[in-house]
Structures are given as C-alpha cells and as structure tokens.
C-alpha cells in the first residue's frame, strides 16, 4: 500500500514571536486536516520565529492518486495563504 509524504518548509516574514507563528500555523494545519483528511504536523524549526517545516502523510491504494492529491494540497496552500513563502518542498511516494 503506497504512502505519500510531503515536506514543506515556509518562511514567515510577518511573524515576530512564537505566538504569532502559532497564530498562523495552527488554523492552517487544522484547515488542511479537515479539508483533505490528512495527517499533518509541524516537525522542524519549532523554536524559530520566521520559519517552519510541516510534514503531510497520506495512504492510498494508488500512487498516482497520492501524487495528484499532494500537489493539489500544495496549490491549496499557495492559494489560501499567499503570505507564507514556500522555500522548499518535497514529495515522496513509498510503495
């Protein structure tokens, strides 16, 4: 059964504290979880104000579906949170 994993690193220019960072990230993570039924968490740069890395995981029986769906999530993020600058992204499908 294929597993899709996407890592996205953000630059958060408007955040000047960890509280401001959480104010931006927490609703985004909740919305993505609700909208796409995915597992999602911030896993790197936890104590850095202006950057964050999130990891998204999905399971499906079709690896092409996973690839399309993860790209759709990435476009959703770009469309709904244009102030978050994506500095790095990586999609991996584990078969």
PDB file of N, CA and C in Angstrom:
ATOM      1  N   UNK A   1       0.848  -1.171   0.000  1.00  0.00           N
ATOM      2  CA  UNK A   1       0.000   0.000   0.000  1.00  0.00           C
ATOM      3  C   UNK A   1       0.898   1.239   0.000  1.00  0.00           C
ATOM      4  N   UNK A   2       0.770   2.109  -1.007  1.00  0.00           N
ATOM      5  CA  UNK A   2       1.613   3.303  -1.100  1.00  0.00           C
ATOM      6  C   UNK A   2       1.294   4.329  -0.011  1.00  0.00           C
ATOM      7  N   UNK A   3       2.335   4.996   0.415  1.00  0.00           N
ATOM      8  CA  UNK A   3       2.230   6.091   1.384  1.00  0.00           C
ATOM      9  C   UNK A   3       2.825   7.330   0.737  1.00  0.00           C
ATOM     10  N   UNK A   4       2.087   8.428   0.771  1.00  0.00           N
ATOM     11  CA  UNK A   4       2.571   9.691   0.234  1.00  0.00           C
ATOM     12  C   UNK A   4       2.993  10.606   1.365  1.00  0.00           C
ATOM     13  N   UNK A   5       4.187  11.162   1.240  1.00  0.00           N
ATOM     14  CA  UNK A   5       4.716  12.080   2.255  1.00  0.00           C
ATOM     15  C   UNK A   5       5.150  13.365   1.556  1.00  0.00           C
ATOM     16  N   UNK A   6       4.729  14.490   2.102  1.00  0.00           N
ATOM     17  CA  UNK A   6       5.146  15.781   1.563  1.00  0.00           C
ATOM     18  C   UNK A   6       5.709  16.630   2.695  1.00  0.00           C
ATOM     19  N   UNK A   7       6.874  17.172   2.451  1.00  0.00           N
ATOM     20  CA  UNK A   7       7.532  18.084   3.394  1.00  0.00           C
ATOM     21  C   UNK A   7       7.512  19.472   2.766  1.00  0.00           C
ATOM     22  N   UNK A   8       7.052  20.455   3.525  1.00  0.00           N
ATOM     23  CA  UNK A   8       7.018  21.834   3.047  1.00  0.00           C
ATOM     24  C   UNK A   8       7.678  22.722   4.090  1.00  0.00           C
ATOM     25  N   UNK A   9       8.641  23.519   3.642  1.00  0.00           N
ATOM     26  CA  UNK A   9       9.312  24.483   4.522  1.00  0.00           C
ATOM     27  C   UNK A   9       8.834  25.880   4.150  1.00  0.00           C
ATOM     28  N   UNK A  10       8.464  26.652   5.161  1.00  0.00           N
ATOM     29  CA  UNK A  10       7.934  28.000   4.970  1.00  0.00           C
ATOM     30  C   UNK A  10       8.869  29.051   5.547  1.00  0.00           C
ATOM     31  N   UNK A  11       8.829  30.224   4.938  1.00  0.00           N
ATOM     32  CA  UNK A  11       9.408  31.422   5.535  1.00  0.00           C
ATOM     33  C   UNK A  11       8.230  32.301   5.914  1.00  0.00           C
ATOM     34  N   UNK A  12       8.204  32.742   7.175  1.00  0.00           N
ATOM     35  CA  UNK A  12       7.082  33.517   7.710  1.00  0.00           C
ATOM     36  C   UNK A  12       7.568  34.939   8.018  1.00  0.00           C
ATOM     37  N   UNK A  13       7.569  35.837   7.037  1.00  0.00           N
ATOM     38  CA  UNK A  13       8.156  37.157   7.236  1.00  0.00           C
ATOM     39  C   UNK A  13       7.420  38.026   8.247  1.00  0.00           C
ATOM     40  N   UNK A  14       6.131  37.816   8.429  1.00  0.00           N
ATOM     41  CA  UNK A  14       5.340  38.680   9.311  1.00  0.00           C
ATOM     42  C   UNK A  14       5.398  38.273  10.779  1.00  0.00           C
ATOM     43  N   UNK A  15       5.947  37.116  11.084  1.00  0.00           N
ATOM     44  CA  UNK A  15       5.955  36.632  12.465  1.00  0.00           C
ATOM     45  C   UNK A  15       7.131  37.214  13.241  1.00  0.00           C
ATOM     46  N   UNK A  16       6.815  37.761  14.396  1.00  0.00           N
ATOM     47  CA  UNK A  16       7.858  38.359  15.234  1.00  0.00           C
ATOM     48  C   UNK A  16       7.950  37.680  16.600  1.00  0.00           C
ATOM     49  N   UNK A  17       7.214  36.579  16.769  1.00  0.00           N
ATOM     50  CA  UNK A  17       7.271  35.822  18.015  1.00  0.00           C
ATOM     51  C   UNK A  17       6.736  34.416  17.744  1.00  0.00           C
ATOM     52  N   UNK A  18       6.991  33.515  18.684  1.00  0.00           N
ATOM     53  CA  UNK A  18       6.451  32.163  18.539  1.00  0.00           C
ATOM     54  C   UNK A  18       4.928  32.168  18.610  1.00  0.00           C
ATOM     55  N   UNK A  19       4.390  33.085  19.397  1.00  0.00           N
ATOM     56  CA  UNK A  19       2.932  33.206  19.499  1.00  0.00           C
ATOM     57  C   UNK A  19       2.328  33.609  18.152  1.00  0.00           C
ATOM     58  N   UNK A  20       2.966  34.541  17.466  1.00  0.00           N
ATOM     59  CA  UNK A  20       2.488  34.960  16.142  1.00  0.00           C
ATOM     60  C   UNK A  20       2.600  33.811  15.140  1.00  0.00           C
ATOM     61  N   UNK A  21       3.674  33.051  15.245  1.00  0.00           N
ATOM     62  CA  UNK A  21       3.866  31.902  14.359  1.00  0.00           C
ATOM     63  C   UNK A  21       2.763  30.875  14.579  1.00  0.00           C
ATOM     64  N   UNK A  22       2.474  30.548  15.819  1.00  0.00           N
ATOM     65  CA  UNK A  22       1.420  29.576  16.132  1.00  0.00           C
ATOM     66  C   UNK A  22       0.047  30.098  15.683  1.00  0.00           C
ATOM     67  N   UNK A  23      -0.140  31.417  15.764  1.00  0.00           N
ATOM     68  CA  UNK A  23      -1.396  32.045  15.340  1.00  0.00           C
ATOM     69  C   UNK A  23      -1.632  31.825  13.838  1.00  0.00           C
ATOM     70  N   UNK A  24      -0.557  31.739  13.075  1.00  0.00           N
ATOM     71  CA  UNK A  24      -0.659  31.493  11.636  1.00  0.00           C
ATOM     72  C   UNK A  24      -0.775  29.997  11.344  1.00  0.00           C
ATOM     73  N   UNK A  25       0.067  29.193  11.983  1.00  0.00           N
ATOM     74  CA  UNK A  25       0.162  27.773  11.636  1.00  0.00           C
ATOM     75  C   UNK A  25      -0.987  26.912  12.146  1.00  0.00           C
ATOM     76  N   UNK A  26      -1.424  27.163  13.370  1.00  0.00           N
ATOM     77  CA  UNK A  26      -2.433  26.285  13.963  1.00  0.00           C
ATOM     78  C   UNK A  26      -3.726  26.231  13.141  1.00  0.00           C
ATOM     79  N   UNK A  27      -4.290  27.375  12.728  1.00  0.00           N
ATOM     80  CA  UNK A  27      -5.502  27.298  11.899  1.00  0.00           C
ATOM     81  C   UNK A  27      -5.239  26.676  10.521  1.00  0.00           C
ATOM     82  N   UNK A  28      -4.050  26.909   9.971  1.00  0.00           N
ATOM     83  CA  UNK A  28      -3.716  26.324   8.672  1.00  0.00           C
ATOM     84  C   UNK A  28      -3.677  24.797   8.768  1.00  0.00           C
ATOM     85  N   UNK A  29      -3.005  24.273   9.785  1.00  0.00           N
ATOM     86  CA  UNK A  29      -2.910  22.830   9.960  1.00  0.00           C
ATOM     87  C   UNK A  29      -4.293  22.205  10.173  1.00  0.00           C
ATOM     88  N   UNK A  30      -5.126  22.862  10.978  1.00  0.00           N
ATOM     89  CA  UNK A  30      -6.476  22.359  11.235  1.00  0.00           C
ATOM     90  C   UNK A  30      -7.320  22.360   9.956  1.00  0.00           C
ATOM     91  N   UNK A  31      -7.213  23.418   9.177  1.00  0.00           N
ATOM     92  CA  UNK A  31      -7.994  23.525   7.937  1.00  0.00           C
ATOM     93  C   UNK A  31      -7.566  22.459   6.933  1.00  0.00           C
ATOM     94  N   UNK A  32      -6.262  22.261   6.786  1.00  0.00           N
ATOM     95  CA  UNK A  32      -5.779  21.248   5.849  1.00  0.00           C
ATOM     96  C   UNK A  32      -6.204  19.845   6.285  1.00  0.00           C
ATOM     97  N   UNK A  33      -6.141  19.576   7.579  1.00  0.00           N
ATOM     98  CA  UNK A  33      -6.575  18.275   8.091  1.00  0.00           C
ATOM     99  C   UNK A  33      -8.056  18.042   7.799  1.00  0.00           C
ATOM    100  N   UNK A  34      -8.856  19.061   8.038  1.00  0.00           N
ATOM    101  CA  UNK A  34     -10.297  18.943   7.827  1.00  0.00           C
ATOM    102  C   UNK A  34     -10.641  18.855   6.334  1.00  0.00           C
ATOM    103  N   UNK A  35      -9.998  19.672   5.527  1.00  0.00           N
ATOM    104  CA  UNK A  35     -10.308  19.780   4.108  1.00  0.00           C
ATOM    105  C   UNK A  35      -9.883  18.526   3.322  1.00  0.00           C
ATOM    106  N   UNK A  36      -8.730  17.959   3.665  1.00  0.00           N
ATOM    107  CA  UNK A  36      -8.163  16.872   2.862  1.00  0.00           C
ATOM    108  C   UNK A  36      -8.073  15.533   3.596  1.00  0.00           C
ATOM    109  N   UNK A  37      -8.448  15.478   4.864  1.00  0.00           N
ATOM    110  CA  UNK A  37      -8.397  14.248   5.652  1.00  0.00           C
ATOM    111  C   UNK A  37      -6.995  13.636   5.638  1.00  0.00           C
ATOM    112  N   UNK A  38      -6.023  14.435   6.038  1.00  0.00           N
ATOM    113  CA  UNK A  38      -4.618  14.034   6.030  1.00  0.00           C
ATOM    114  C   UNK A  38      -4.047  14.093   7.437  1.00  0.00           C
ATOM    115  N   UNK A  39      -2.922  13.449   7.612  1.00  0.00           N
ATOM    116  CA  UNK A  39      -2.150  13.605   8.844  1.00  0.00           C
ATOM    117  C   UNK A  39      -1.142  14.716   8.582  1.00  0.00           C
ATOM    118  N   UNK A  40      -1.067  15.676   9.485  1.00  0.00           N
ATOM    119  CA  UNK A  40      -0.210  16.835   9.268  1.00  0.00           C
ATOM    120  C   UNK A  40       0.324  17.325  10.602  1.00  0.00           C
ATOM    121  N   UNK A  41       1.583  17.745  10.603  1.00  0.00           N
ATOM    122  CA  UNK A  41       2.195  18.261  11.824  1.00  0.00           C
ATOM    123  C   UNK A  41       3.393  19.132  11.476  1.00  0.00           C
ATOM    124  N   UNK A  42       3.669  20.095  12.343  1.00  0.00           N
ATOM    125  CA  UNK A  42       4.910  20.855  12.252  1.00  0.00           C
ATOM    126  C   UNK A  42       5.981  20.007  12.930  1.00  0.00           C
ATOM    127  N   UNK A  43       7.096  19.786  12.243  1.00  0.00           N
ATOM    128  CA  UNK A  43       8.077  18.898  12.847  1.00  0.00           C
ATOM    129  C   UNK A  43       9.490  19.473  12.899  1.00  0.00           C
ATOM    130  N   UNK A  44       9.741  20.621  12.311  1.00  0.00           N
ATOM    131  CA  UNK A  44      11.079  21.193  12.367  1.00  0.00           C
ATOM    132  C   UNK A  44      10.965  22.700  12.510  1.00  0.00           C
ATOM    133  N   UNK A  45      12.016  23.322  12.998  1.00  0.00           N
ATOM    134  CA  UNK A  45      12.062  24.766  13.257  1.00  0.00           C
ATOM    135  C   UNK A  45      10.995  25.171  14.284  1.00  0.00           C
ATOM    136  N   UNK A  46      10.808  24.354  15.289  1.00  0.00           N
ATOM    137  CA  UNK A  46       9.743  24.592  16.268  1.00  0.00           C
ATOM    138  C   UNK A  46       9.972  25.854  17.086  1.00  0.00           C
ATOM    139  N   UNK A  47      11.209  26.201  17.345  1.00  0.00           N
ATOM    140  CA  UNK A  47      11.503  27.375  18.165  1.00  0.00           C
ATOM    141  C   UNK A  47      12.040  28.557  17.362  1.00  0.00           C
ATOM    142  N   UNK A  48      11.867  28.513  16.059  1.00  0.00           N
ATOM    143  CA  UNK A  48      12.320  29.599  15.188  1.00  0.00           C
ATOM    144  C   UNK A  48      11.103  30.400  14.753  1.00  0.00           C
ATOM    145  N   UNK A  49      11.159  31.705  14.922  1.00  0.00           N
ATOM    146  CA  UNK A  49      10.004  32.561  14.632  1.00  0.00           C
ATOM    147  C   UNK A  49       9.636  32.609  13.161  1.00  0.00           C
ATOM    148  N   UNK A  50      10.604  32.740  12.304  1.00  0.00           N
ATOM    149  CA  UNK A  50      10.325  33.065  10.911  1.00  0.00           C
ATOM    150  C   UNK A  50      10.378  31.885   9.949  1.00  0.00           C
ATOM    151  N   UNK A  51      10.493  30.683  10.460  1.00  0.00           N
ATOM    152  CA  UNK A  51      10.457  29.534   9.554  1.00  0.00           C
ATOM    153  C   UNK A  51       9.758  28.356  10.230  1.00  0.00           C
ATOM    154  N   UNK A  52       9.242  27.488   9.381  1.00  0.00           N
ATOM    155  CA  UNK A  52       8.531  26.304   9.861  1.00  0.00           C
ATOM    156  C   UNK A  52       8.616  25.231   8.793  1.00  0.00           C
ATOM    157  N   UNK A  53       8.606  23.996   9.227  1.00  0.00           N
ATOM    158  CA  UNK A  53       8.549  22.867   8.308  1.00  0.00           C
ATOM    159  C   UNK A  53       7.418  21.960   8.762  1.00  0.00           C
ATOM    160  N   UNK A  54       6.529  21.648   7.822  1.00  0.00           N
ATOM    161  CA  UNK A  54       5.427  20.742   8.123  1.00  0.00           C
ATOM    162  C   UNK A  54       5.595  19.467   7.307  1.00  0.00           C
ATOM    163  N   UNK A  55       5.003  18.404   7.820  1.00  0.00           N
ATOM    164  CA  UNK A  55       5.028  17.108   7.141  1.00  0.00           C
ATOM    165  C   UNK A  55       3.585  16.644   6.993  1.00  0.00           C
ATOM    166  N   UNK A  56       3.247  16.201   5.794  1.00  0.00           N
ATOM    167  CA  UNK A  56       1.908  15.710   5.482  1.00  0.00           C
ATOM    168  C   UNK A  56       2.036  14.249   5.054  1.00  0.00           C
ATOM    169  N   UNK A  57       1.143  13.399   5.543  1.00  0.00           N
ATOM    170  CA  UNK A  57       1.162  11.978   5.176  1.00  0.00           C
ATOM    171  C   UNK A  57      -0.228  11.529   4.748  1.00  0.00           C
ATOM    172  N   UNK A  58      -0.243  10.688   3.712  1.00  0.00           N
ATOM    173  CA  UNK A  58      -1.482  10.112   3.195  1.00  0.00           C
ATOM    174  C   UNK A  58      -1.244   8.653   2.827  1.00  0.00           C
ATOM    175  N   UNK A  59      -2.300   7.865   2.873  1.00  0.00           N
ATOM    176  CA  UNK A  59      -2.244   6.469   2.458  1.00  0.00           C
ATOM    177  C   UNK A  59      -3.347   6.248   1.430  1.00  0.00           C
ATOM    178  N   UNK A  60      -3.019   5.498   0.381  1.00  0.00           N
ATOM    179  CA  UNK A  60      -3.998   5.176  -0.653  1.00  0.00           C
ATOM    180  C   UNK A  60      -3.572   3.885  -1.336  1.00  0.00           C
ATOM    181  N   UNK A  61      -4.443   3.339  -2.153  1.00  0.00           N
ATOM    182  CA  UNK A  61      -4.067   2.156  -2.905  1.00  0.00           C
ATOM    183  C   UNK A  61      -3.534   2.503  -4.286  1.00  0.00           C
ATOM    184  N   UNK A  62      -3.443   3.807  -4.613  1.00  0.00           N
ATOM    185  CA  UNK A  62      -2.983   4.265  -5.926  1.00  0.00           C
ATOM    186  C   UNK A  62      -1.934   5.354  -5.759  1.00  0.00           C
ATOM    187  N   UNK A  63      -0.716   5.090  -6.194  1.00  0.00           N
ATOM    188  CA  UNK A  63       0.365   6.067  -6.014  1.00  0.00           C
ATOM    189  C   UNK A  63       0.165   7.305  -6.884  1.00  0.00           C
ATOM    190  N   UNK A  64      -0.459   7.160  -8.055  1.00  0.00           N
ATOM    191  CA  UNK A  64      -0.730   8.327  -8.907  1.00  0.00           C
ATOM    192  C   UNK A  64      -1.741   9.256  -8.237  1.00  0.00           C
ATOM    193  N   UNK A  65      -2.724   8.680  -7.565  1.00  0.00           N
ATOM    194  CA  UNK A  65      -3.693   9.476  -6.807  1.00  0.00           C
ATOM    195  C   UNK A  65      -2.987  10.259  -5.710  1.00  0.00           C
ATOM    196  N   UNK A  66      -2.079   9.615  -5.003  1.00  0.00           N
ATOM    197  CA  UNK A  66      -1.326  10.298  -3.937  1.00  0.00           C
ATOM    198  C   UNK A  66      -0.548  11.480  -4.490  1.00  0.00           C
ATOM    199  N   UNK A  67       0.138  11.275  -5.599  1.00  0.00           N
ATOM    200  CA  UNK A  67       0.925  12.348  -6.214  1.00  0.00           C
ATOM    201  C   UNK A  67       0.035  13.531  -6.576  1.00  0.00           C
ATOM    202  N   UNK A  68      -1.089  13.259  -7.253  1.00  0.00           N
ATOM    203  CA  UNK A  68      -2.016  14.334  -7.645  1.00  0.00           C
ATOM    204  C   UNK A  68      -2.588  15.049  -6.436  1.00  0.00           C
ATOM    205  N   UNK A  69      -2.969  14.288  -5.418  1.00  0.00           N
ATOM    206  CA  UNK A  69      -3.601  14.869  -4.238  1.00  0.00           C
ATOM    207  C   UNK A  69      -2.611  15.733  -3.443  1.00  0.00           C
ATOM    208  N   UNK A  70      -1.384  15.286  -3.321  1.00  0.00           N
ATOM    209  CA  UNK A  70      -0.382  16.084  -2.605  1.00  0.00           C
ATOM    210  C   UNK A  70      -0.069  17.376  -3.358  1.00  0.00           C
ATOM    211  N   UNK A  71      -0.024  17.323  -4.677  1.00  0.00           N
ATOM    212  CA  UNK A  71       0.170  18.551  -5.453  1.00  0.00           C
ATOM    213  C   UNK A  71      -1.031  19.489  -5.300  1.00  0.00           C
ATOM    214  N   UNK A  72      -2.215  18.921  -5.209  1.00  0.00           N
ATOM    215  CA  UNK A  72      -3.430  19.715  -5.001  1.00  0.00           C
ATOM    216  C   UNK A  72      -3.375  20.418  -3.636  1.00  0.00           C
ATOM    217  N   UNK A  73      -2.885  19.729  -2.621  1.00  0.00           N
ATOM    218  CA  UNK A  73      -2.735  20.332  -1.289  1.00  0.00           C
ATOM    219  C   UNK A  73      -1.739  21.487  -1.345  1.00  0.00           C
ATOM    220  N   UNK A  74      -0.640  21.287  -2.059  1.00  0.00           N
ATOM    221  CA  UNK A  74       0.361  22.341  -2.186  1.00  0.00           C
ATOM    222  C   UNK A  74      -0.234  23.579  -2.869  1.00  0.00           C
ATOM    223  N   UNK A  75      -1.011  23.392  -3.916  1.00  0.00           N
ATOM    224  CA  UNK A  75      -1.660  24.521  -4.598  1.00  0.00           C
ATOM    225  C   UNK A  75      -2.702  25.182  -3.693  1.00  0.00           C
ATOM    226  N   UNK A  76      -3.389  24.406  -2.893  1.00  0.00           N
ATOM    227  CA  UNK A  76      -4.359  24.944  -1.941  1.00  0.00           C
ATOM    228  C   UNK A  76      -3.665  25.866  -0.937  1.00  0.00           C
ATOM    229  N   UNK A  77      -2.516  25.432  -0.450  1.00  0.00           N
ATOM    230  CA  UNK A  77      -1.742  26.253   0.497  1.00  0.00           C
ATOM    231  C   UNK A  77      -1.321  27.563  -0.173  1.00  0.00           C
ATOM    232  N   UNK A  78      -0.800  27.474  -1.383  1.00  0.00           N
ATOM    233  CA  UNK A  78      -0.357  28.680  -2.103  1.00  0.00           C
ATOM    234  C   UNK A  78      -1.525  29.636  -2.348  1.00  0.00           C
ATOM    235  N   UNK A  79      -2.696  29.104  -2.630  1.00  0.00           N
ATOM    236  CA  UNK A  79      -3.861  29.935  -2.911  1.00  0.00           C
ATOM    237  C   UNK A  79      -4.490  30.569  -1.687  1.00  0.00           C
ATOM    238  N   UNK A  80      -4.490  29.866  -0.557  1.00  0.00           N
ATOM    239  CA  UNK A  80      -5.167  30.354   0.640  1.00  0.00           C
ATOM    240  C   UNK A  80      -4.255  31.085   1.620  1.00  0.00           C
ATOM    241  N   UNK A  81      -2.968  30.859   1.535  1.00  0.00           N
ATOM    242  CA  UNK A  81      -2.009  31.533   2.421  1.00  0.00           C
ATOM    243  C   UNK A  81      -0.860  32.102   1.583  1.00  0.00           C
ATOM    244  N   UNK A  82      -1.153  33.122   0.760  1.00  0.00           N
ATOM    245  CA  UNK A  82      -0.118  33.657  -0.137  1.00  0.00           C
ATOM    246  C   UNK A  82       1.020  34.362   0.602  1.00  0.00           C
ATOM    247  N   UNK A  83       0.793  34.772   1.850  1.00  0.00           N
ATOM    248  CA  UNK A  83       1.843  35.451   2.613  1.00  0.00           C
ATOM    249  C   UNK A  83       2.896  34.475   3.144  1.00  0.00           C
ATOM    250  N   UNK A  84       2.617  33.171   3.126  1.00  0.00           N
ATOM    251  CA  UNK A  84       3.599  32.167   3.521  1.00  0.00           C
ATOM    252  C   UNK A  84       4.448  31.819   2.306  1.00  0.00           C
ATOM    253  N   UNK A  85       5.726  32.041   2.411  1.00  0.00           N
ATOM    254  CA  UNK A  85       6.615  31.765   1.287  1.00  0.00           C
ATOM    255  C   UNK A  85       7.161  30.345   1.418  1.00  0.00           C
ATOM    256  N   UNK A  86       6.874  29.518   0.439  1.00  0.00           N
ATOM    257  CA  UNK A  86       7.393  28.149   0.438  1.00  0.00           C
ATOM    258  C   UNK A  86       8.834  28.195  -0.055  1.00  0.00           C
ATOM    259  N   UNK A  87       9.759  27.804   0.808  1.00  0.00           N
ATOM    260  CA  UNK A  87      11.166  27.835   0.447  1.00  0.00           C
ATOM    261  C   UNK A  87      11.676  26.469  -0.010  1.00  0.00           C
ATOM    262  N   UNK A  88      10.969  25.420   0.365  1.00  0.00           N
ATOM    263  CA  UNK A  88      11.396  24.073  -0.015  1.00  0.00           C
ATOM    264  C   UNK A  88      10.177  23.160   0.041  1.00  0.00           C
ATOM    265  N   UNK A  89      10.068  22.282  -0.913  1.00  0.00           N
ATOM    266  CA  UNK A  89       9.018  21.263  -0.858  1.00  0.00           C
ATOM    267  C   UNK A  89       9.549  19.963  -1.448  1.00  0.00           C
ATOM    268  N   UNK A  90       9.035  18.887  -0.942  1.00  0.00           N
ATOM    269  CA  UNK A  90       9.500  17.572  -1.371  1.00  0.00           C
ATOM    270  C   UNK A  90       8.355  16.585  -1.222  1.00  0.00           C
ATOM    271  N   UNK A  91       8.075  15.856  -2.294  1.00  0.00           N
ATOM    272  CA  UNK A  91       7.050  14.817  -2.260  1.00  0.00           C
ATOM    273  C   UNK A  91       7.739  13.476  -2.474  1.00  0.00           C
ATOM    274  N   UNK A  92       7.365  12.511  -1.638  1.00  0.00           N
ATOM    275  CA  UNK A  92       7.928  11.169  -1.749  1.00  0.00           C
ATOM    276  C   UNK A  92       6.794  10.158  -1.647  1.00  0.00           C
ATOM    277  N   UNK A  93       6.783   9.215  -2.560  1.00  0.00           N
ATOM    278  CA  UNK A  93       5.804   8.141  -2.543  1.00  0.00           C
ATOM    279  C   UNK A  93       6.544   6.857  -2.190  1.00  0.00           C
ATOM    280  N   UNK A  94       6.147   6.231  -1.110  1.00  0.00           N
ATOM    281  CA  UNK A  94       6.767   4.992  -0.647  1.00  0.00           C
ATOM    282  C   UNK A  94       5.818   3.847  -1.018  1.00  0.00           C
ATOM    283  N   UNK A  95       6.304   2.948  -1.835  1.00  0.00           N
ATOM    284  CA  UNK A  95       5.468   1.834  -2.304  1.00  0.00           C
ATOM    285  C   UNK A  95       5.727   0.599  -1.485  1.00  0.00           C
TER     286      UNK A  95
END
